[in-house]
Amino acid sequence: MKQITLTPAPEKLLEKLLNTGKYNTAQVAIARAFQLLAEEDDDIKLPSYFQGTESAKKLLKEKVKKY
């Protein structure tokens, strides 16, 4: 397991999140942050000019992820 040291700004944000009651522990909040980062990395952004059906866009994204 790794230990991390937060700078004041992330530490303040973490405290704010914990105070809302949405997250019971810092570990849970940080795990959610990592989950969101992973999802963001997995989400392929197609150019705005790309025309096609949703199924075509989905298929293209799946093909791009393979490479």
Protein backbone atom coordinates (compact mmCIF):
# COMPACT_ATOMS: atom_id res chain seq x y z
CA MET A 1 0.00 0.00 0.00
CA LYS A 2 1.24 3.48 -0.85
CA GLN A 3 1.10 6.46 1.43
CA ILE A 4 0.38 9.86 -0.01
CA THR A 5 0.76 13.36 1.33
CA LEU A 6 -1.81 15.88 0.22
CA THR A 7 -1.02 19.50 -0.35
CA PRO A 8 -3.36 21.95 1.41
CA ALA A 9 -5.83 22.38 -1.48
CA PRO A 10 -6.58 18.66 -2.03
CA GLU A 11 -6.64 18.11 1.72
CA LYS A 12 -9.23 20.87 2.10
CA LEU A 13 -11.34 19.35 -0.69
CA LEU A 14 -11.12 15.91 0.90
CA GLU A 15 -12.23 17.32 4.25
CA LYS A 16 -15.13 19.09 2.53
CA LEU A 17 -16.21 15.83 0.88
CA LEU A 18 -16.00 13.94 4.14
CA ASN A 19 -18.02 16.62 5.95
CA THR A 20 -20.89 16.22 3.49
CA GLY A 21 -21.36 12.66 4.71
CA LYS A 22 -21.34 11.31 1.17
CA TYR A 23 -18.06 9.53 1.86
CA ASN A 24 -17.41 7.76 5.15
CA THR A 25 -13.62 7.66 4.86
CA ALA A 26 -10.84 9.31 2.93
CA GLN A 27 -10.10 5.92 1.35
CA VAL A 28 -13.63 5.70 -0.07
CA ALA A 29 -13.48 9.25 -1.46
CA ILE A 30 -10.08 8.69 -3.05
CA ALA A 31 -11.17 5.34 -4.49
CA ARG A 32 -14.10 7.13 -6.14
CA ALA A 33 -11.75 9.75 -7.57
CA PHE A 34 -9.59 7.02 -9.08
CA GLN A 35 -12.66 5.32 -10.50
CA LEU A 36 -13.72 8.55 -12.20
CA LEU A 37 -10.22 9.06 -13.60
CA ALA A 38 -10.23 5.54 -15.02
CA GLU A 39 -13.64 6.09 -16.61
CA GLU A 40 -12.46 9.39 -18.09
CA ASP A 41 -9.39 7.70 -19.57
CA ASP A 42 -11.59 4.99 -21.07
CA ASP A 43 -13.97 7.48 -22.66
CA ILE A 44 -12.89 8.13 -26.23
CA LYS A 45 -13.80 11.62 -27.40
CA LEU A 46 -14.90 11.75 -31.03
CA PRO A 47 -14.51 14.99 -32.98
CA SER A 48 -17.62 17.16 -32.95
CA TYR A 49 -17.87 16.92 -36.73
CA PHE A 50 -18.17 13.11 -36.62
CA GLN A 51 -21.51 12.10 -38.06
CA GLY A 52 -23.03 8.71 -37.36
CA THR A 53 -25.52 6.74 -35.38
CA GLU A 54 -24.95 6.07 -31.70
CA SER A 55 -24.23 2.42 -32.48
CA ALA A 56 -21.63 3.45 -35.08
CA LYS A 57 -20.00 5.80 -32.59
CA LYS A 58 -19.94 3.07 -29.95
CA LEU A 59 -18.38 0.58 -32.37
CA LEU A 60 -15.73 3.10 -33.43
CA LYS A 61 -14.86 3.85 -29.79
CA GLU A 62 -14.50 0.13 -29.06
CA LYS A 63 -12.19 -0.31 -32.04
CA VAL A 64 -10.05 2.68 -31.01
CA LYS A 65 -9.69 1.33 -27.45
CA LYS A 66 -8.14 -1.86 -28.81
CA TYR A 67 -5.23 0.09 -30.23
